[in-house]
Amino acid sequence: MDDTANQPAAPWPKAVDRAPREIDVRDLVGEMAEAVIVHAGARYRLRITANNKLILTK
């Protein structure tokens, strides 16, 4: 059994003199134009609308 699944996520490192990581949204959502993102045990839905807008919902 994997004990790491029940442990809280490590705190985010502080950004010091560097740009945030850049990720093309299509790399996340793929052809389905939708992805599920897990943060602190909660699931969020990221999707691209018909008007090419991003929506993130819990």
C-alpha atoms as a PDB file:
ATOM      1  CA  MET A   1       0.000   0.000   0.000  1.00  0.00           C
ATOM      2  CA  ASP A   2       1.295   3.461  -0.894  1.00  0.00           C
ATOM      3  CA  ASP A   3       1.399   5.714   2.209  1.00  0.00           C
ATOM      4  CA  THR A   4       2.253   8.825   0.184  1.00  0.00           C
ATOM      5  CA  ALA A   5      -1.331   9.138  -1.075  1.00  0.00           C
ATOM      6  CA  ASN A   6      -2.586  10.135   2.386  1.00  0.00           C
ATOM      7  CA  GLN A   7       0.167  12.610   3.164  1.00  0.00           C
ATOM      8  CA  PRO A   8      -0.350  16.349   2.640  1.00  0.00           C
ATOM      9  CA  ALA A   9       1.434  17.840  -0.327  1.00  0.00           C
ATOM     10  CA  ALA A  10       4.760  19.518   0.303  1.00  0.00           C
ATOM     11  CA  PRO A  11       4.582  23.304   0.497  1.00  0.00           C
ATOM     12  CA  TRP A  12       5.275  25.135  -2.751  1.00  0.00           C
ATOM     13  CA  PRO A  13       8.831  26.407  -3.101  1.00  0.00           C
ATOM     14  CA  LYS A  14       9.094  30.177  -3.168  1.00  0.00           C
ATOM     15  CA  ALA A  15       9.790  31.638  -6.576  1.00  0.00           C
ATOM     16  CA  VAL A  16      13.053  33.486  -6.419  1.00  0.00           C
ATOM     17  CA  ASP A  17      14.134  35.425  -9.478  1.00  0.00           C
ATOM     18  CA  ARG A  18      12.542  33.050 -11.953  1.00  0.00           C
ATOM     19  CA  ALA A  19       9.526  33.034 -14.220  1.00  0.00           C
ATOM     20  CA  PRO A  20       6.621  30.683 -13.484  1.00  0.00           C
ATOM     21  CA  ARG A  21       6.503  27.422 -15.378  1.00  0.00           C
ATOM     22  CA  GLU A  22       4.683  27.787 -18.694  1.00  0.00           C
ATOM     23  CA  ILE A  23       2.511  24.927 -19.944  1.00  0.00           C
ATOM     24  CA  ASP A  24       0.402  24.951 -23.089  1.00  0.00           C
ATOM     25  CA  VAL A  25      -3.171  24.137 -22.048  1.00  0.00           C
ATOM     26  CA  ARG A  26      -3.495  21.603 -24.878  1.00  0.00           C
ATOM     27  CA  ASP A  27      -0.715  19.587 -23.214  1.00  0.00           C
ATOM     28  CA  LEU A  28      -3.019  19.303 -20.185  1.00  0.00           C
ATOM     29  CA  VAL A  29      -6.408  18.762 -21.779  1.00  0.00           C
ATOM     30  CA  GLY A  30      -5.498  16.981 -25.022  1.00  0.00           C
ATOM     31  CA  GLU A  31      -8.084  16.406 -27.730  1.00  0.00           C
ATOM     32  CA  MET A  32     -10.949  16.141 -25.231  1.00  0.00           C
ATOM     33  CA  ALA A  33     -10.498  19.830 -24.259  1.00  0.00           C
ATOM     34  CA  GLU A  34     -10.931  18.793 -20.640  1.00  0.00           C
ATOM     35  CA  ALA A  35      -8.743  17.596 -17.774  1.00  0.00           C
ATOM     36  CA  VAL A  36      -9.147  16.729 -14.103  1.00  0.00           C
ATOM     37  CA  ILE A  37      -6.595  18.336 -11.813  1.00  0.00           C
ATOM     38  CA  VAL A  38      -6.133  17.086  -8.245  1.00  0.00           C
ATOM     39  CA  HIS A  39      -5.021  19.581  -5.583  1.00  0.00           C
ATOM     40  CA  ALA A  40      -4.881  18.776  -1.869  1.00  0.00           C
ATOM     41  CA  GLY A  41      -7.163  15.791  -2.429  1.00  0.00           C
ATOM     42  CA  ALA A  42      -9.841  17.828  -4.245  1.00  0.00           C
ATOM     43  CA  ARG A  43     -10.675  17.250  -7.902  1.00  0.00           C
ATOM     44  CA  TYR A  44     -11.024  20.228 -10.241  1.00  0.00           C
ATOM     45  CA  ARG A  45     -12.250  20.188 -13.835  1.00  0.00           C
ATOM     46  CA  LEU A  46     -10.378  22.356 -16.345  1.00  0.00           C
ATOM     47  CA  ARG A  47     -12.085  22.734 -19.694  1.00  0.00           C
ATOM     48  CA  ILE A  48     -11.958  24.829 -22.831  1.00  0.00           C
ATOM     49  CA  THR A  49     -15.355  26.230 -23.818  1.00  0.00           C
ATOM     50  CA  ALA A  50     -16.793  26.559 -27.315  1.00  0.00           C
ATOM     51  CA  ASN A  51     -15.742  30.236 -27.145  1.00  0.00           C
ATOM     52  CA  ASN A  52     -12.135  29.197 -26.403  1.00  0.00           C
ATOM     53  CA  LYS A  53     -12.265  30.322 -22.771  1.00  0.00           C
ATOM     54  CA  LEU A  54     -10.874  28.371 -19.808  1.00  0.00           C
ATOM     55  CA  ILE A  55     -13.137  27.332 -16.950  1.00  0.00           C
ATOM     56  CA  LEU A  56     -11.878  25.703 -13.743  1.00  0.00           C
ATOM     57  CA  THR A  57     -14.579  24.229 -11.490  1.00  0.00           C
ATOM     58  CA  LYS A  58     -14.501  22.163  -8.336  1.00  0.00           C
END
